Structures are given as structure tokens and as C-alpha cells.
Amino acid sequence: MVRFSLSAVGADRPGIVAALTGALVDAGCNLLDSTMAILQGQFAVLLVVSAPDTVSAQSIETVLAPAARRFELMLAVRPLAGSVPDAADAAGREPWVLAIHGADRPGIVHAVTAALAEVGGNVVDLATHLVDRGDTPLYAMTVRATLPPGMAQSAAEHVRAAAARVGVRCSFHRDDADIL
């Protein structure tokens, strides 16, 4: 089996996910990882799929072309080289969640993620939302990140200071996800 990344973006409409995933099944692909969202009326999807060795990025694009045309999607398919990273690669890293909020202004994401990177943090997932509250839109951001062992306290202080410099607040807590 080979793996591919697939991304598609376009105006949100019912049936996009069904059309894309149906075409992938028809091509012999299996959906491994996915993230999908609607951002201000635009649908965005990023998938990692596996396929038989005989399948190419071009053949996947060809199978997806009718859905892409029907829904006016910008589509990209790329092969993924190498093996799937082993969970041991992240061994010892600690999972954390950062919740950031404050008045909207340019530079919030950059300030927080740069501060996180400076202490060895790695962003695993990031979502932002602009909440319209009349005169003062509220910006909310949630970041799931991993940190080197023992770095949580200093990382929290460093990131909170960076957040304060751009006028937002940051809370930091351990990501204790439920185990399935």
C-alpha cells in the first residue's frame, strides 16, 4: 500500500464529503486520517489515504475530477514518502492544550506559536475562531501541542508573556484525552 495526502477547498455545499469519499472508495483508497472544517463559508479538507501500489496521485486526481468540477473545488493530491511515524518518535513528549482569547488583532497566532517553538513545543492541532461581538470582535484560539519533558512550567510562562504582549490571555493545561 502507498499513502497520499489530499486537500480540497471550495465554497461549502451539502454533499462534498460524500462525493469525495465515494470516489476514493471507488479508487480502492482507504481513509487513514482526516480533518475537515467550514471556515467563513469555505469548506476545507485534508486527508491521508492509503491505496494499492498500482494507484498514483494522478489516477486519484482523475477519479476525483468529476466531484471537484461539480463542487468547484481546488484539489491537490500528493504521494507521501516513507513510513508512518512511530509513536515512539514522540516518546517522552508531554501533551498540553493552550486556550487563548482576547480582542482580535494581527499577530496573535504568530506570537503564540513562535513562543511555543522557542521552548521546543510542537503544534499538533490549532483552531481559531472570530466571535463577532459588535465593536470588539473576540478572537479565540485553541492549540494542542507537545512539549519536551519537564518544560511545562517554563513554557507556560514564556507563552503567556508572548500572549500578553499582543493583548490576549492564555491558559495552559495538560491534555488528558480520554483513552478509547
Protein backbone atom coordinates (compact mmCIF):
# COMPACT_ATOMS: atom_id res chain seq x y z
CA MET A 1 0.00 0.00 0.00
CA VAL A 2 1.06 3.60 -0.68
CA ARG A 3 -0.12 6.76 1.03
CA PHE A 4 -1.27 10.09 -0.37
CA SER A 5 -2.26 13.46 1.04
CA LEU A 6 -5.31 15.07 -0.49
CA SER A 7 -6.52 18.60 0.06
CA ALA A 8 -9.61 20.30 -1.31
CA VAL A 9 -11.07 23.77 -0.78
CA GLY A 10 -14.23 25.41 -2.06
CA ALA A 11 -17.49 27.06 -1.11
CA ASP A 12 -19.38 24.90 1.38
CA ARG A 13 -22.24 22.88 -0.06
CA PRO A 14 -24.01 19.69 1.04
CA GLY A 15 -22.58 16.50 -0.45
CA ILE A 16 -18.89 17.40 -0.79
CA VAL A 17 -17.66 14.83 1.73
CA ALA A 18 -19.89 12.10 0.28
CA ALA A 19 -18.71 12.81 -3.27
CA LEU A 20 -15.00 12.85 -2.37
CA THR A 21 -15.07 9.78 -0.14
CA GLY A 22 -17.22 7.84 -2.64
CA ALA A 23 -14.71 8.49 -5.39
CA LEU A 24 -11.87 7.44 -3.10
CA VAL A 25 -13.60 4.16 -2.26
CA ASP A 26 -14.14 3.56 -5.98
CA ALA A 27 -10.38 4.06 -6.50
CA GLY A 28 -9.59 1.45 -3.83
CA CYS A 29 -8.43 4.01 -1.27
CA ASN A 30 -8.82 3.82 2.49
CA LEU A 31 -9.16 6.97 4.59
CA LEU A 32 -6.46 6.96 7.31
CA ASP A 33 -6.51 10.46 8.83
CA SER A 34 -8.69 13.47 8.13
CA THR A 35 -9.57 16.96 9.18
CA MET A 36 -12.44 18.91 7.70
CA ALA A 37 -13.80 22.34 8.54
CA ILE A 38 -16.01 25.15 7.33
CA LEU A 39 -14.24 28.49 7.67
CA GLN A 40 -16.37 31.54 6.91
CA GLY A 41 -18.40 29.61 4.34
CA GLN A 42 -15.43 27.84 2.76
CA PHE A 43 -15.10 24.06 3.11
CA ALA A 44 -11.57 22.73 3.60
CA VAL A 45 -10.47 19.13 3.87
CA LEU A 46 -7.10 17.46 4.37
CA LEU A 47 -6.95 13.67 4.10
CA VAL A 48 -4.32 10.99 4.27
CA VAL A 49 -5.37 7.90 2.33
CA SER A 50 -3.79 4.56 1.55
CA ALA A 51 -4.16 2.88 -1.81
CA PRO A 52 -2.90 -0.20 -3.67
CA ASP A 53 0.61 0.13 -5.12
CA THR A 54 -0.89 0.45 -8.62
CA VAL A 55 -2.64 3.74 -7.72
CA SER A 56 -0.89 7.07 -8.44
CA ALA A 57 -1.58 10.65 -7.40
CA GLN A 58 -2.65 11.35 -10.99
CA SER A 59 -5.12 8.45 -11.01
CA ILE A 60 -6.66 9.68 -7.73
CA GLU A 61 -6.97 13.20 -9.16
CA THR A 62 -8.66 11.73 -12.24
CA VAL A 63 -11.18 9.79 -10.13
CA LEU A 64 -11.88 12.90 -8.04
CA ALA A 65 -12.15 15.27 -11.04
CA PRO A 66 -15.93 14.93 -11.50
CA ALA A 67 -16.57 15.79 -7.83
CA ALA A 68 -14.06 18.64 -8.00
CA ARG A 69 -15.82 20.10 -11.05
CA ARG A 70 -19.31 19.58 -9.62
CA PHE A 71 -18.45 21.36 -6.36
CA GLU A 72 -15.90 23.81 -7.85
CA LEU A 73 -13.13 22.56 -5.57
CA MET A 74 -9.42 23.31 -5.77
CA LEU A 75 -7.87 19.89 -5.35
CA ALA A 76 -4.33 18.62 -4.77
CA VAL A 77 -3.10 15.04 -4.34
CA ARG A 78 0.49 14.27 -3.37
CA PRO A 79 2.29 11.00 -2.62
CA LEU A 80 3.65 10.59 0.90
CA ALA A 81 7.12 9.10 1.04
CA GLY A 82 8.42 6.97 3.86
CA SER A 83 6.69 5.12 6.61
CA VAL A 84 4.17 6.32 9.13
CA PRO A 85 5.97 7.94 12.09
CA ASP A 86 6.16 5.57 15.03
CA ALA A 87 4.54 6.66 18.30
CA ALA A 88 7.96 6.15 19.86
CA ASP A 89 9.18 9.19 17.90
CA ALA A 90 7.14 11.34 20.26
CA ALA A 91 8.03 9.28 23.34
CA GLY A 92 8.50 11.39 26.39
CA ARG A 93 6.86 14.49 24.94
CA GLU A 94 4.04 15.81 27.07
CA PRO A 95 0.65 16.79 25.58
CA TRP A 96 -0.75 20.23 26.50
CA VAL A 97 -3.69 22.41 25.50
CA LEU A 98 -3.47 26.19 25.27
CA ALA A 99 -6.60 28.32 25.23
CA ILE A 100 -6.04 31.88 24.02
CA HIS A 101 -8.61 34.66 23.87
CA GLY A 102 -8.82 38.42 23.62
CA ALA A 103 -9.60 41.28 21.30
CA ASP A 104 -8.82 40.46 17.67
CA ARG A 105 -5.64 41.91 16.20
CA PRO A 106 -2.95 40.84 13.72
CA GLY A 107 -0.12 38.66 15.01
CA ILE A 108 -1.81 36.58 17.72
CA VAL A 109 -1.18 33.19 16.09
CA HIS A 110 2.39 34.12 15.23
CA ALA A 111 3.23 35.40 18.71
CA VAL A 112 1.87 32.32 20.49
CA THR A 113 3.28 29.71 18.10
CA ALA A 114 6.69 31.41 17.90
CA ALA A 115 6.92 31.45 21.70
CA LEU A 116 5.88 27.81 21.79
CA ALA A 117 8.54 26.88 19.21
CA GLU A 118 11.20 28.77 21.20
CA VAL A 119 10.70 26.36 24.12
CA GLY A 120 10.68 23.25 21.91
CA GLY A 121 6.90 22.97 21.65
CA ASN A 122 5.34 21.32 18.63
CA VAL A 123 1.86 22.31 17.42
CA VAL A 124 -0.29 19.20 16.92
CA ASP A 125 -3.61 20.93 16.23
CA LEU A 126 -4.66 24.57 16.07
CA ALA A 127 -8.09 26.13 15.64
CA THR A 128 -9.11 29.78 15.69
CA HIS A 129 -12.50 31.44 15.77
CA LEU A 130 -13.53 35.04 15.45
CA VAL A 131 -16.59 35.74 17.57
CA ASP A 132 -18.42 38.85 16.40
CA ARG A 133 -19.34 40.88 19.45
CA GLY A 134 -20.18 44.18 17.83
CA ASP A 135 -17.46 46.79 18.24
CA THR A 136 -14.88 44.40 19.68
CA PRO A 137 -14.58 41.05 17.94
CA LEU A 138 -13.29 38.32 20.28
CA TYR A 139 -10.51 36.10 18.98
CA ALA A 140 -10.36 32.58 20.41
CA MET A 141 -7.65 30.06 19.65
CA THR A 142 -7.11 26.52 20.89
CA VAL A 143 -3.73 24.86 20.43
CA ARG A 144 -2.87 21.25 21.16
CA ALA A 145 0.88 20.92 21.48
CA THR A 146 3.58 18.63 22.79
CA LEU A 147 6.47 19.77 24.95
CA PRO A 148 9.77 18.22 25.97
CA PRO A 149 9.59 16.56 29.39
CA GLY A 150 9.73 18.95 32.32
CA MET A 151 9.23 22.09 30.21
CA ALA A 152 5.58 22.82 31.03
CA GLN A 153 6.08 25.47 33.71
CA SER A 154 8.69 27.49 31.84
CA ALA A 155 6.82 27.04 28.54
CA ALA A 156 3.58 28.28 30.09
CA GLU A 157 5.31 31.39 31.47
CA HIS A 158 7.05 32.09 28.14
CA VAL A 159 3.90 31.65 26.05
CA ARG A 160 1.73 33.67 28.48
CA ALA A 161 4.22 36.54 28.31
CA ALA A 162 4.15 36.46 24.48
CA ALA A 163 0.35 36.37 24.52
CA ALA A 164 0.21 39.33 26.89
CA ARG A 165 2.44 41.35 24.53
CA VAL A 166 -0.26 41.05 21.83
CA GLY A 167 -3.08 41.74 24.30
CA VAL A 168 -4.55 38.26 24.76
CA ARG A 169 -4.80 35.82 27.66
CA CYS A 170 -3.51 32.26 27.62
CA SER A 171 -4.38 29.32 29.82
CA PHE A 172 -2.29 26.16 29.75
CA HIS A 173 -3.42 22.72 30.88
CA ARG A 174 -2.39 19.11 30.42
CA ASP A 175 -4.15 17.34 27.52
CA ASP A 176 -5.59 14.36 29.30
CA ALA A 177 -7.54 12.87 26.41
CA ASP A 178 -9.87 10.00 27.15
CA ILE A 179 -8.46 6.63 26.26
CA LEU A 180 -10.67 4.61 23.95
